[in-house]
Amino acid sequence: MDADRISRALARIEAALARIEAAARRQPPAETTGELADLQVRHDRLRAAVTDSLAQIDQLIESAQG
């Protein structure tokens, strides 16, 4: 009985893995690709702003420590 449960669980895991692999291979629709490009630009801008802010904080800490 335990072997049967294990076999069924493994079959479910393999089926889920096959669905995940199939989804990963699918190409997103064109409108999604455009949205992703826009998000990438926004992400890059935000990352640059955060990097600048952290550099300013580092400078403030260094100057406060003498």
C-alpha atoms as a PDB file:
ATOM      1  CA  MET A   1       0.000   0.000   0.000  1.00  0.00           C
ATOM      2  CA  ASP A   2       2.795   2.446   0.802  1.00  0.00           C
ATOM      3  CA  ALA A   3       4.507   1.591  -2.476  1.00  0.00           C
ATOM      4  CA  ASP A   4       1.281   2.389  -4.325  1.00  0.00           C
ATOM      5  CA  ARG A   5       0.980   5.772  -2.594  1.00  0.00           C
ATOM      6  CA  ILE A   6       4.598   6.551  -3.401  1.00  0.00           C
ATOM      7  CA  SER A   7       4.084   5.571  -7.033  1.00  0.00           C
ATOM      8  CA  ARG A   8       1.021   7.815  -7.318  1.00  0.00           C
ATOM      9  CA  ALA A   9       2.857  10.703  -5.657  1.00  0.00           C
ATOM     10  CA  LEU A  10       5.797  10.306  -8.027  1.00  0.00           C
ATOM     11  CA  ALA A  11       3.419  10.227 -10.984  1.00  0.00           C
ATOM     12  CA  ARG A  12       1.799  13.486  -9.805  1.00  0.00           C
ATOM     13  CA  ILE A  13       5.220  15.090  -9.349  1.00  0.00           C
ATOM     14  CA  GLU A  14       6.319  14.007 -12.830  1.00  0.00           C
ATOM     15  CA  ALA A  15       3.078  15.334 -14.352  1.00  0.00           C
ATOM     16  CA  ALA A  16       3.536  18.666 -12.566  1.00  0.00           C
ATOM     17  CA  LEU A  17       7.126  18.859 -13.756  1.00  0.00           C
ATOM     18  CA  ALA A  18       6.018  18.218 -17.337  1.00  0.00           C
ATOM     19  CA  ARG A  19       3.461  21.058 -17.060  1.00  0.00           C
ATOM     20  CA  ILE A  20       6.109  23.416 -15.651  1.00  0.00           C
ATOM     21  CA  GLU A  21       8.562  22.542 -18.425  1.00  0.00           C
ATOM     22  CA  ALA A  22       5.887  23.061 -21.088  1.00  0.00           C
ATOM     23  CA  ALA A  23       4.936  26.450 -19.616  1.00  0.00           C
ATOM     24  CA  ALA A  24       8.578  27.523 -19.513  1.00  0.00           C
ATOM     25  CA  ARG A  25       8.990  26.725 -23.219  1.00  0.00           C
ATOM     26  CA  ARG A  26       5.963  28.774 -24.300  1.00  0.00           C
ATOM     27  CA  GLN A  27       6.698  32.214 -25.691  1.00  0.00           C
ATOM     28  CA  PRO A  28       4.730  35.094 -24.167  1.00  0.00           C
ATOM     29  CA  PRO A  29       2.250  36.946 -26.410  1.00  0.00           C
ATOM     30  CA  ALA A  30       3.519  40.077 -28.178  1.00  0.00           C
ATOM     31  CA  GLU A  31       1.673  42.476 -25.856  1.00  0.00           C
ATOM     32  CA  THR A  32       3.207  40.746 -22.859  1.00  0.00           C
ATOM     33  CA  THR A  33       6.650  41.122 -24.413  1.00  0.00           C
ATOM     34  CA  GLY A  34       6.094  44.875 -24.714  1.00  0.00           C
ATOM     35  CA  GLU A  35       4.889  45.067 -21.137  1.00  0.00           C
ATOM     36  CA  LEU A  36       7.946  43.146 -20.006  1.00  0.00           C
ATOM     37  CA  ALA A  37      10.219  45.549 -21.871  1.00  0.00           C
ATOM     38  CA  ASP A  38       8.507  48.487 -20.154  1.00  0.00           C
ATOM     39  CA  LEU A  39       8.887  46.806 -16.786  1.00  0.00           C
ATOM     40  CA  GLN A  40      12.568  46.170 -17.493  1.00  0.00           C
ATOM     41  CA  VAL A  41      13.119  49.880 -18.204  1.00  0.00           C
ATOM     42  CA  ARG A  42      11.290  50.853 -15.011  1.00  0.00           C
ATOM     43  CA  HIS A  43      13.266  48.267 -13.072  1.00  0.00           C
ATOM     44  CA  ASP A  44      16.573  49.576 -14.424  1.00  0.00           C
ATOM     45  CA  ARG A  45      15.651  53.156 -13.491  1.00  0.00           C
ATOM     46  CA  LEU A  46      14.593  52.115 -10.011  1.00  0.00           C
ATOM     47  CA  ARG A  47      17.768  50.085  -9.523  1.00  0.00           C
ATOM     48  CA  ALA A  48      19.870  53.085 -10.547  1.00  0.00           C
ATOM     49  CA  ALA A  49      17.978  55.366  -8.161  1.00  0.00           C
ATOM     50  CA  VAL A  50      18.406  52.934  -5.284  1.00  0.00           C
ATOM     51  CA  THR A  51      22.111  52.521  -6.073  1.00  0.00           C
ATOM     52  CA  ASP A  52      22.555  56.311  -6.004  1.00  0.00           C
ATOM     53  CA  SER A  53      20.625  56.592  -2.745  1.00  0.00           C
ATOM     54  CA  LEU A  54      22.703  53.881  -1.104  1.00  0.00           C
ATOM     55  CA  ALA A  55      25.894  55.605  -2.231  1.00  0.00           C
ATOM     56  CA  GLN A  56      24.676  58.848  -0.669  1.00  0.00           C
ATOM     57  CA  ILE A  57      23.825  57.053   2.569  1.00  0.00           C
ATOM     58  CA  ASP A  58      27.285  55.457   2.603  1.00  0.00           C
ATOM     59  CA  GLN A  59      28.873  58.902   2.178  1.00  0.00           C
ATOM     60  CA  LEU A  60      26.779  60.335   5.005  1.00  0.00           C
ATOM     61  CA  ILE A  61      27.748  57.482   7.320  1.00  0.00           C
ATOM     62  CA  GLU A  62      31.422  57.848   6.440  1.00  0.00           C
ATOM     63  CA  SER A  63      31.378  61.613   7.038  1.00  0.00           C
ATOM     64  CA  ALA A  64      29.533  61.167  10.341  1.00  0.00           C
ATOM     65  CA  GLN A  65      32.123  58.668  11.542  1.00  0.00           C
ATOM     66  CA  GLY A  66      34.932  61.063  10.739  1.00  0.00           C
END
